[in-house]
């Protein structure tokens, strides 16, 4: 018996001339569309990154402000609330907050360090000042050395006075802040510094650099190619001179003179 031949089905390919033309012509168009989409995506990422960095810095400064806020002093009502009592069938528990001064009074200890505010120390200082005045005065004359020294000190004090500043430690750096403008400037500086480290900013910077190089190369080649070969090298080496206004050709000048 003869073998059956494997009959293959024939495929007929029909080209649409209009679609074929659009595909062959549209390479540059599709490339520009992809570039445009990529550029929009980079700008969107950069905008989101900028918002995120600003929010992080804002939250950091709010937390920093909370740390520098002074603690509220306890009132009598707070002390009454702190002395809580809990009763049980077997035990009665009482919670009291003790300070170092209370504990020192109970145990007969020295307690907290206190400055010399007693009357005896004040009287001793006054007596020492009187002795100094008596030693520096000249008997029979109204001349006193201490008065002259005090006047000199008063004159020098206003010169040495400076504007008070707040030394704040932020990001492991001590910074002097005088007003809100300095704080805003510091926020802007820190956000820009962090933004420059992001991937989106570096990518955008690299693309801008490539585009600027292309534009500069194009302008340079156009100006050189318009000249003959023996003048290209001379034009290439000489510095560009600034001319005010548009240069007119000889034909345009002749037309102006004829009118």
C-alpha atoms as a PDB file:
ATOM      1  CA  UNK A   1       0.000   0.000   0.000  1.00  0.00           C
ATOM      2  CA  UNK A   2       1.204   3.456  -0.796  1.00  0.00           C
ATOM      3  CA  UNK A   3       1.779   5.841   2.045  1.00  0.00           C
ATOM      4  CA  UNK A   4      -0.499   8.807   2.429  1.00  0.00           C
ATOM      5  CA  UNK A   5       1.187  12.106   1.755  1.00  0.00           C
ATOM      6  CA  UNK A   6       1.007  14.706   4.512  1.00  0.00           C
ATOM      7  CA  UNK A   7      -0.794  17.480   2.797  1.00  0.00           C
ATOM      8  CA  UNK A   8       0.105  20.865   4.339  1.00  0.00           C
ATOM      9  CA  UNK A   9      -2.417  23.629   4.354  1.00  0.00           C
ATOM     10  CA  UNK A  10      -1.394  26.672   2.415  1.00  0.00           C
ATOM     11  CA  UNK A  11      -1.406  30.011   4.237  1.00  0.00           C
ATOM     12  CA  UNK A  12      -2.155  33.120   2.294  1.00  0.00           C
ATOM     13  CA  UNK A  13      -0.685  36.288   3.842  1.00  0.00           C
ATOM     14  CA  UNK A  14      -2.553  39.417   2.906  1.00  0.00           C
ATOM     15  CA  UNK A  15      -0.923  42.768   3.726  1.00  0.00           C
ATOM     16  CA  UNK A  16      -2.933  45.827   4.524  1.00  0.00           C
ATOM     17  CA  UNK A  17      -0.978  48.550   2.725  1.00  0.00           C
ATOM     18  CA  UNK A  18      -2.217  51.334   5.000  1.00  0.00           C
ATOM     19  CA  UNK A  19      -1.223  49.553   8.241  1.00  0.00           C
ATOM     20  CA  UNK A  20       2.088  48.494   6.693  1.00  0.00           C
ATOM     21  CA  UNK A  21       2.835  52.088   5.787  1.00  0.00           C
ATOM     22  CA  UNK A  22       1.947  53.327   9.299  1.00  0.00           C
ATOM     23  CA  UNK A  23       4.190  50.690  10.886  1.00  0.00           C
ATOM     24  CA  UNK A  24       7.190  51.467   8.673  1.00  0.00           C
ATOM     25  CA  UNK A  25       6.839  55.237   8.991  1.00  0.00           C
ATOM     26  CA  UNK A  26       5.986  55.312  12.715  1.00  0.00           C
ATOM     27  CA  UNK A  27       9.334  54.167  14.215  1.00  0.00           C
ATOM     28  CA  UNK A  28      10.366  57.703  15.131  1.00  0.00           C
ATOM     29  CA  UNK A  29       6.864  58.564  16.307  1.00  0.00           C
ATOM     30  CA  UNK A  30       6.680  55.584  18.679  1.00  0.00           C
ATOM     31  CA  UNK A  31      10.193  56.294  19.954  1.00  0.00           C
ATOM     32  CA  UNK A  32       9.230  59.878  20.803  1.00  0.00           C
ATOM     33  CA  UNK A  33       6.063  58.643  22.528  1.00  0.00           C
ATOM     34  CA  UNK A  34       8.106  56.255  24.694  1.00  0.00           C
ATOM     35  CA  UNK A  35      10.486  59.065  25.584  1.00  0.00           C
ATOM     36  CA  UNK A  36       7.598  61.324  26.494  1.00  0.00           C
ATOM     37  CA  UNK A  37       6.019  58.666  28.743  1.00  0.00           C
ATOM     38  CA  UNK A  38       9.360  57.988  30.450  1.00  0.00           C
ATOM     39  CA  UNK A  39       9.915  61.709  31.043  1.00  0.00           C
ATOM     40  CA  UNK A  40       6.442  62.116  32.572  1.00  0.00           C
ATOM     41  CA  UNK A  41       7.049  59.110  34.826  1.00  0.00           C
ATOM     42  CA  UNK A  42      10.396  60.538  36.038  1.00  0.00           C
ATOM     43  CA  UNK A  43       8.784  63.905  36.811  1.00  0.00           C
ATOM     44  CA  UNK A  44       5.962  62.152  38.687  1.00  0.00           C
ATOM     45  CA  UNK A  45       8.438  60.113  40.756  1.00  0.00           C
ATOM     46  CA  UNK A  46      10.465  63.244  41.484  1.00  0.00           C
ATOM     47  CA  UNK A  47       7.349  65.097  42.662  1.00  0.00           C
ATOM     48  CA  UNK A  48       6.352  62.232  44.985  1.00  0.00           C
ATOM     49  CA  UNK A  49       9.926  62.003  46.332  1.00  0.00           C
ATOM     50  CA  UNK A  50       9.957  65.742  47.057  1.00  0.00           C
ATOM     51  CA  UNK A  51       6.637  65.501  48.933  1.00  0.00           C
ATOM     52  CA  UNK A  52       7.850  62.525  50.969  1.00  0.00           C
ATOM     53  CA  UNK A  53      11.129  64.218  51.952  1.00  0.00           C
ATOM     54  CA  UNK A  54       9.341  67.420  52.987  1.00  0.00           C
ATOM     55  CA  UNK A  55       6.881  65.441  55.112  1.00  0.00           C
ATOM     56  CA  UNK A  56       9.705  63.514  56.824  1.00  0.00           C
ATOM     57  CA  UNK A  57      11.615  66.719  57.641  1.00  0.00           C
ATOM     58  CA  UNK A  58       8.420  68.379  58.914  1.00  0.00           C
ATOM     59  CA  UNK A  59       7.694  65.433  61.230  1.00  0.00           C
ATOM     60  CA  UNK A  60      11.303  65.449  62.434  1.00  0.00           C
ATOM     61  CA  UNK A  61      11.097  69.131  63.374  1.00  0.00           C
ATOM     62  CA  UNK A  62       7.771  68.637  65.188  1.00  0.00           C
ATOM     63  CA  UNK A  63       9.317  65.825  67.261  1.00  0.00           C
ATOM     64  CA  UNK A  64      12.323  68.055  67.932  1.00  0.00           C
ATOM     65  CA  UNK A  65      10.005  70.829  69.132  1.00  0.00           C
ATOM     66  CA  UNK A  66       8.309  68.430  71.555  1.00  0.00           C
ATOM     67  CA  UNK A  67      11.652  67.435  73.093  1.00  0.00           C
ATOM     68  CA  UNK A  68      12.530  71.093  73.788  1.00  0.00           C
ATOM     69  CA  UNK A  69       9.176  71.924  75.431  1.00  0.00           C
ATOM     70  CA  UNK A  70       9.448  72.507  79.220  1.00  0.00           C
ATOM     71  CA  UNK A  71       7.785  70.031  81.551  1.00  0.00           C
ATOM     72  CA  UNK A  72       4.583  71.088  83.276  1.00  0.00           C
ATOM     73  CA  UNK A  73       4.844  71.578  87.034  1.00  0.00           C
ATOM     74  CA  UNK A  74       2.651  69.460  89.283  1.00  0.00           C
ATOM     75  CA  UNK A  75      -0.240  71.192  91.022  1.00  0.00           C
ATOM     76  CA  UNK A  76      -2.035  70.196  94.226  1.00  0.00           C
ATOM     77  CA  UNK A  77      -4.813  68.528  92.219  1.00  0.00           C
ATOM     78  CA  UNK A  78      -2.261  66.367  90.404  1.00  0.00           C
ATOM     79  CA  UNK A  79      -0.684  65.372  93.719  1.00  0.00           C
ATOM     80  CA  UNK A  80      -4.087  64.371  95.091  1.00  0.00           C
ATOM     81  CA  UNK A  81      -4.759  62.275  91.993  1.00  0.00           C
ATOM     82  CA  UNK A  82      -1.344  60.612  92.254  1.00  0.00           C
ATOM     83  CA  UNK A  83      -2.029  59.346  95.774  1.00  0.00           C
ATOM     84  CA  UNK A  84      -4.227  56.514  94.591  1.00  0.00           C
ATOM     85  CA  UNK A  85      -5.542  53.895  96.987  1.00  0.00           C
ATOM     86  CA  UNK A  86      -6.589  50.390  96.037  1.00  0.00           C
ATOM     87  CA  UNK A  87      -8.580  48.337  98.546  1.00  0.00           C
ATOM     88  CA  UNK A  88      -8.909  44.578  98.521  1.00  0.00           C
ATOM     89  CA  UNK A  89     -10.355  41.996 100.879  1.00  0.00           C
ATOM     90  CA  UNK A  90      -6.931  41.246 102.365  1.00  0.00           C
ATOM     91  CA  UNK A  91      -4.645  44.171 101.475  1.00  0.00           C
ATOM     92  CA  UNK A  92      -4.921  47.958 101.118  1.00  0.00           C
ATOM     93  CA  UNK A  93      -2.416  49.430  98.621  1.00  0.00           C
ATOM     94  CA  UNK A  94      -1.529  53.138  98.472  1.00  0.00           C
ATOM     95  CA  UNK A  95       0.630  54.602  95.652  1.00  0.00           C
ATOM     96  CA  UNK A  96       2.547  57.790  96.502  1.00  0.00           C
ATOM     97  CA  UNK A  97       5.174  59.512  94.337  1.00  0.00           C
ATOM     98  CA  UNK A  98       8.206  60.509  96.404  1.00  0.00           C
ATOM     99  CA  UNK A  99      10.848  63.100  95.580  1.00  0.00           C
ATOM    100  CA  UNK A 100      14.490  63.185  96.683  1.00  0.00           C
ATOM    101  CA  UNK A 101      13.751  65.926  99.233  1.00  0.00           C
ATOM    102  CA  UNK A 102      11.008  63.791 100.893  1.00  0.00           C
ATOM    103  CA  UNK A 103      13.277  60.766 101.095  1.00  0.00           C
ATOM    104  CA  UNK A 104      16.141  62.865 102.502  1.00  0.00           C
ATOM    105  CA  UNK A 105      13.890  64.293 105.235  1.00  0.00           C
ATOM    106  CA  UNK A 106      12.784  60.796 106.286  1.00  0.00           C
ATOM    107  CA  UNK A 107      16.334  59.357 106.381  1.00  0.00           C
ATOM    108  CA  UNK A 108      18.041  62.491 107.797  1.00  0.00           C
ATOM    109  CA  UNK A 109      20.162  62.995 104.668  1.00  0.00           C
ATOM    110  CA  UNK A 110      21.471  66.146 102.970  1.00  0.00           C
ATOM    111  CA  UNK A 111      19.093  65.968 100.002  1.00  0.00           C
ATOM    112  CA  UNK A 112      19.287  68.173  96.908  1.00  0.00           C
ATOM    113  CA  UNK A 113      22.064  70.687  96.321  1.00  0.00           C
ATOM    114  CA  UNK A 114      20.919  74.205  97.220  1.00  0.00           C
ATOM    115  CA  UNK A 115      22.564  77.556  96.596  1.00  0.00           C
ATOM    116  CA  UNK A 116      23.803  79.880  99.370  1.00  0.00           C
ATOM    117  CA  UNK A 117      20.537  81.804  99.879  1.00  0.00           C
ATOM    118  CA  UNK A 118      20.861  82.204 103.647  1.00  0.00           C
ATOM    119  CA  UNK A 119      20.971  85.623 105.340  1.00  0.00           C
ATOM    120  CA  UNK A 120      24.336  84.943 106.991  1.00  0.00           C
ATOM    121  CA  UNK A 121      26.110  84.552 103.653  1.00  0.00           C
ATOM    122  CA  UNK A 122      24.562  87.813 102.371  1.00  0.00           C
ATOM    123  CA  UNK A 123      25.729  89.692 105.472  1.00  0.00           C
ATOM    124  CA  UNK A 124      29.258  88.286 105.105  1.00  0.00           C
ATOM    125  CA  UNK A 125      29.414  89.445 101.489  1.00  0.00           C
ATOM    126  CA  UNK A 126      28.267  92.943 102.466  1.00  0.00           C
ATOM    127  CA  UNK A 127      30.918  93.142 105.202  1.00  0.00           C
ATOM    128  CA  UNK A 128      33.641  92.041 102.744  1.00  0.00           C
ATOM    129  CA  UNK A 129      32.551  94.712 100.249  1.00  0.00           C
ATOM    130  CA  UNK A 130      32.704  97.373 103.000  1.00  0.00           C
ATOM    131  CA  UNK A 131      36.254  96.323 103.920  1.00  0.00           C
ATOM    132  CA  UNK A 132      37.328  96.549 100.266  1.00  0.00           C
ATOM    133  CA  UNK A 133      35.821 100.029  99.941  1.00  0.00           C
ATOM    134  CA  UNK A 134      37.579 101.226 103.078  1.00  0.00           C
ATOM    135  CA  UNK A 135      40.923  99.901 101.850  1.00  0.00           C
ATOM    136  CA  UNK A 136      40.635 101.584  98.429  1.00  0.00           C
ATOM    137  CA  UNK A 137      39.468 105.012  99.689  1.00  0.00           C
ATOM    138  CA  UNK A 138      41.944 107.756 100.433  1.00  0.00           C
ATOM    139  CA  UNK A 139      41.330 109.565 103.789  1.00  0.00           C
ATOM    140  CA  UNK A 140      40.537 113.279 103.462  1.00  0.00           C
ATOM    141  CA  UNK A 141      39.783 113.002  99.714  1.00  0.00           C
ATOM    142  CA  UNK A 142      36.653 112.158  97.718  1.00  0.00           C
ATOM    143  CA  UNK A 143      38.529 109.847  95.314  1.00  0.00           C
ATOM    144  CA  UNK A 144      37.492 106.200  95.146  1.00  0.00           C
ATOM    145  CA  UNK A 145      39.113 103.559  92.910  1.00  0.00           C
ATOM    146  CA  UNK A 146      36.059 101.245  92.938  1.00  0.00           C
ATOM    147  CA  UNK A 147      33.802 103.911  91.400  1.00  0.00           C
ATOM    148  CA  UNK A 148      36.121 104.274  88.411  1.00  0.00           C
ATOM    149  CA  UNK A 149      36.327 100.501  87.929  1.00  0.00           C
ATOM    150  CA  UNK A 150      32.518 100.186  88.016  1.00  0.00           C
ATOM    151  CA  UNK A 151      32.154 102.916  85.373  1.00  0.00           C
ATOM    152  CA  UNK A 152      34.643 101.164  83.082  1.00  0.00           C
ATOM    153  CA  UNK A 153      32.771  97.859  83.462  1.00  0.00           C
ATOM    154  CA  UNK A 154      29.435  99.537  82.642  1.00  0.00           C
ATOM    155  CA  UNK A 155      30.854 101.056  79.444  1.00  0.00           C
ATOM    156  CA  UNK A 156      32.353  97.770  78.238  1.00  0.00           C
ATOM    157  CA  UNK A 157      29.251  95.637  78.941  1.00  0.00           C
ATOM    158  CA  UNK A 158      26.938  96.988  76.165  1.00  0.00           C
ATOM    159  CA  UNK A 159      29.678  96.526  73.544  1.00  0.00           C
ATOM    160  CA  UNK A 160      30.096  92.838  74.357  1.00  0.00           C
ATOM    161  CA  UNK A 161      26.355  92.110  74.269  1.00  0.00           C
ATOM    162  CA  UNK A 162      25.289  89.876  71.410  1.00  0.00           C
ATOM    163  CA  UNK A 163      21.990  88.822  69.925  1.00  0.00           C
ATOM    164  CA  UNK A 164      20.715  85.735  71.759  1.00  0.00           C
ATOM    165  CA  UNK A 165      20.628  82.605  69.657  1.00  0.00           C
ATOM    166  CA  UNK A 166      19.304  79.107  70.069  1.00  0.00           C
ATOM    167  CA  UNK A 167      21.916  76.414  69.638  1.00  0.00           C
ATOM    168  CA  UNK A 168      19.970  73.411  68.389  1.00  0.00           C
ATOM    169  CA  UNK A 169      21.476  70.025  67.585  1.00  0.00           C
ATOM    170  CA  UNK A 170      19.885  68.685  64.388  1.00  0.00           C
ATOM    171  CA  UNK A 171      21.207  65.767  62.302  1.00  0.00           C
ATOM    172  CA  UNK A 172      24.328  65.606  64.545  1.00  0.00           C
ATOM    173  CA  UNK A 173      25.117  69.299  63.865  1.00  0.00           C
ATOM    174  CA  UNK A 174      24.833  72.335  66.152  1.00  0.00           C
ATOM    175  CA  UNK A 175      22.984  75.111  64.296  1.00  0.00           C
ATOM    176  CA  UNK A 176      22.239  78.691  65.406  1.00  0.00           C
ATOM    177  CA  UNK A 177      18.583  79.636  64.852  1.00  0.00           C
ATOM    178  CA  UNK A 178      17.532  83.270  65.289  1.00  0.00           C
ATOM    179  CA  UNK A 179      14.058  83.384  63.718  1.00  0.00           C
ATOM    180  CA  UNK A 180      11.550  81.469  61.566  1.00  0.00           C
ATOM    181  CA  UNK A 181      13.330  82.434  58.360  1.00  0.00           C
ATOM    182  CA  UNK A 182      16.458  80.543  59.450  1.00  0.00           C
ATOM    183  CA  UNK A 183      14.316  77.504  60.261  1.00  0.00           C
ATOM    184  CA  UNK A 184      12.623  77.569  56.826  1.00  0.00           C
ATOM    185  CA  UNK A 185      15.991  77.987  55.127  1.00  0.00           C
ATOM    186  CA  UNK A 186      17.331  75.006  57.055  1.00  0.00           C
ATOM    187  CA  UNK A 187      14.319  72.868  56.061  1.00  0.00           C
ATOM    188  CA  UNK A 188      14.771  73.804  52.401  1.00  0.00           C
ATOM    189  CA  UNK A 189      18.488  73.030  52.518  1.00  0.00           C
ATOM    190  CA  UNK A 190      17.975  69.607  54.119  1.00  0.00           C
ATOM    191  CA  UNK A 191      15.162  68.649  51.704  1.00  0.00           C
ATOM    192  CA  UNK A 192      17.272  69.639  48.677  1.00  0.00           C
ATOM    193  CA  UNK A 193      20.250  67.689  50.019  1.00  0.00           C
ATOM    194  CA  UNK A 194      18.160  64.526  50.432  1.00  0.00           C
ATOM    195  CA  UNK A 195      16.440  65.051  47.061  1.00  0.00           C
ATOM    196  CA  UNK A 196      19.786  65.129  45.237  1.00  0.00           C
ATOM    197  CA  UNK A 197      20.573  61.658  46.627  1.00  0.00           C
ATOM    198  CA  UNK A 198      17.381  60.110  45.192  1.00  0.00           C
ATOM    199  CA  UNK A 199      17.442  57.923  42.050  1.00  0.00           C
ATOM    200  CA  UNK A 200      14.776  59.932  40.201  1.00  0.00           C
ATOM    201  CA  UNK A 201      16.724  63.206  40.556  1.00  0.00           C
ATOM    202  CA  UNK A 202      19.984  61.580  39.366  1.00  0.00           C
ATOM    203  CA  UNK A 203      18.217  60.059  36.346  1.00  0.00           C
ATOM    204  CA  UNK A 204      16.608  63.383  35.403  1.00  0.00           C
ATOM    205  CA  UNK A 205      19.951  65.184  35.804  1.00  0.00           C
ATOM    206  CA  UNK A 206      21.677  62.664  33.514  1.00  0.00           C
ATOM    207  CA  UNK A 207      18.981  62.990  30.818  1.00  0.00           C
ATOM    208  CA  UNK A 208      19.128  66.803  30.944  1.00  0.00           C
ATOM    209  CA  UNK A 209      22.905  66.669  30.588  1.00  0.00           C
ATOM    210  CA  UNK A 210      22.652  64.434  27.492  1.00  0.00           C
ATOM    211  CA  UNK A 211      20.036  66.731  25.896  1.00  0.00           C
ATOM    212  CA  UNK A 212      22.137  69.840  26.546  1.00  0.00           C
ATOM    213  CA  UNK A 213      25.206  68.167  25.029  1.00  0.00           C
ATOM    214  CA  UNK A 214      23.210  67.244  21.902  1.00  0.00           C
ATOM    215  CA  UNK A 215      21.888  70.804  21.489  1.00  0.00           C
ATOM    216  CA  UNK A 216      25.361  72.323  21.939  1.00  0.00           C
ATOM    217  CA  UNK A 217      26.905  69.847  19.466  1.00  0.00           C
ATOM    218  CA  UNK A 218      24.186  70.561  16.914  1.00  0.00           C
ATOM    219  CA  UNK A 219      24.616  74.339  17.129  1.00  0.00           C
ATOM    220  CA  UNK A 220      28.383  74.046  16.907  1.00  0.00           C
ATOM    221  CA  UNK A 221      28.293  71.756  13.856  1.00  0.00           C
ATOM    222  CA  UNK A 222      25.780  73.968  12.074  1.00  0.00           C
ATOM    223  CA  UNK A 223      27.953  77.046  12.470  1.00  0.00           C
ATOM    224  CA  UNK A 224      31.124  75.260  11.327  1.00  0.00           C
ATOM    225  CA  UNK A 225      29.597  73.429   8.378  1.00  0.00           C
ATOM    226  CA  UNK A 226      28.287  76.663   6.916  1.00  0.00           C
ATOM    227  CA  UNK A 227      31.892  77.850   6.414  1.00  0.00           C
ATOM    228  CA  UNK A 228      34.445  76.624   3.864  1.00  0.00           C
ATOM    229  CA  UNK A 229      37.074  74.114   4.993  1.00  0.00           C
ATOM    230  CA  UNK A 230      40.012  76.549   5.166  1.00  0.00           C
ATOM    231  CA  UNK A 231      38.045  78.788   7.632  1.00  0.00           C
ATOM    232  CA  UNK A 232      36.612  76.061   9.867  1.00  0.00           C
ATOM    233  CA  UNK A 233      39.751  75.632  11.991  1.00  0.00           C
ATOM    234  CA  UNK A 234      40.060  79.386  12.481  1.00  0.00           C
ATOM    235  CA  UNK A 235      36.408  79.670  13.518  1.00  0.00           C
ATOM    236  CA  UNK A 236      36.768  76.649  15.798  1.00  0.00           C
ATOM    237  CA  UNK A 237      39.661  78.150  17.779  1.00  0.00           C
ATOM    238  CA  UNK A 238      38.555  81.786  18.031  1.00  0.00           C
ATOM    239  CA  UNK A 239      36.327  83.020  20.877  1.00  0.00           C
ATOM    240  CA  UNK A 240      32.702  83.856  20.096  1.00  0.00           C
ATOM    241  CA  UNK A 241      32.070  87.596  19.779  1.00  0.00           C
ATOM    242  CA  UNK A 242      28.771  89.129  20.882  1.00  0.00           C
ATOM    243  CA  UNK A 243      26.902  91.137  18.216  1.00  0.00           C
ATOM    244  CA  UNK A 244      23.927  93.255  19.108  1.00  0.00           C
ATOM    245  CA  UNK A 245      21.013  92.867  16.727  1.00  0.00           C
ATOM    246  CA  UNK A 246      20.609  90.702  13.614  1.00  0.00           C
ATOM    247  CA  UNK A 247      23.240  90.731  10.874  1.00  0.00           C
ATOM    248  CA  UNK A 248      21.905  91.939   7.535  1.00  0.00           C
ATOM    249  CA  UNK A 249      23.136  90.600   4.212  1.00  0.00           C
ATOM    250  CA  UNK A 250      24.341  92.808   1.339  1.00  0.00           C
ATOM    251  CA  UNK A 251      21.090  92.289  -0.589  1.00  0.00           C
ATOM    252  CA  UNK A 252      19.006  93.559   2.343  1.00  0.00           C
ATOM    253  CA  UNK A 253      21.294  96.580   2.734  1.00  0.00           C
ATOM    254  CA  UNK A 254      20.928  97.432  -0.984  1.00  0.00           C
ATOM    255  CA  UNK A 255      17.142  97.229  -0.734  1.00  0.00           C
ATOM    256  CA  UNK A 256      17.150  99.601   2.231  1.00  0.00           C
ATOM    257  CA  UNK A 257      19.328 102.140   0.382  1.00  0.00           C
ATOM    258  CA  UNK A 258      17.132 101.979  -2.746  1.00  0.00           C
ATOM    259  CA  UNK A 259      13.995 102.716  -0.724  1.00  0.00           C
END
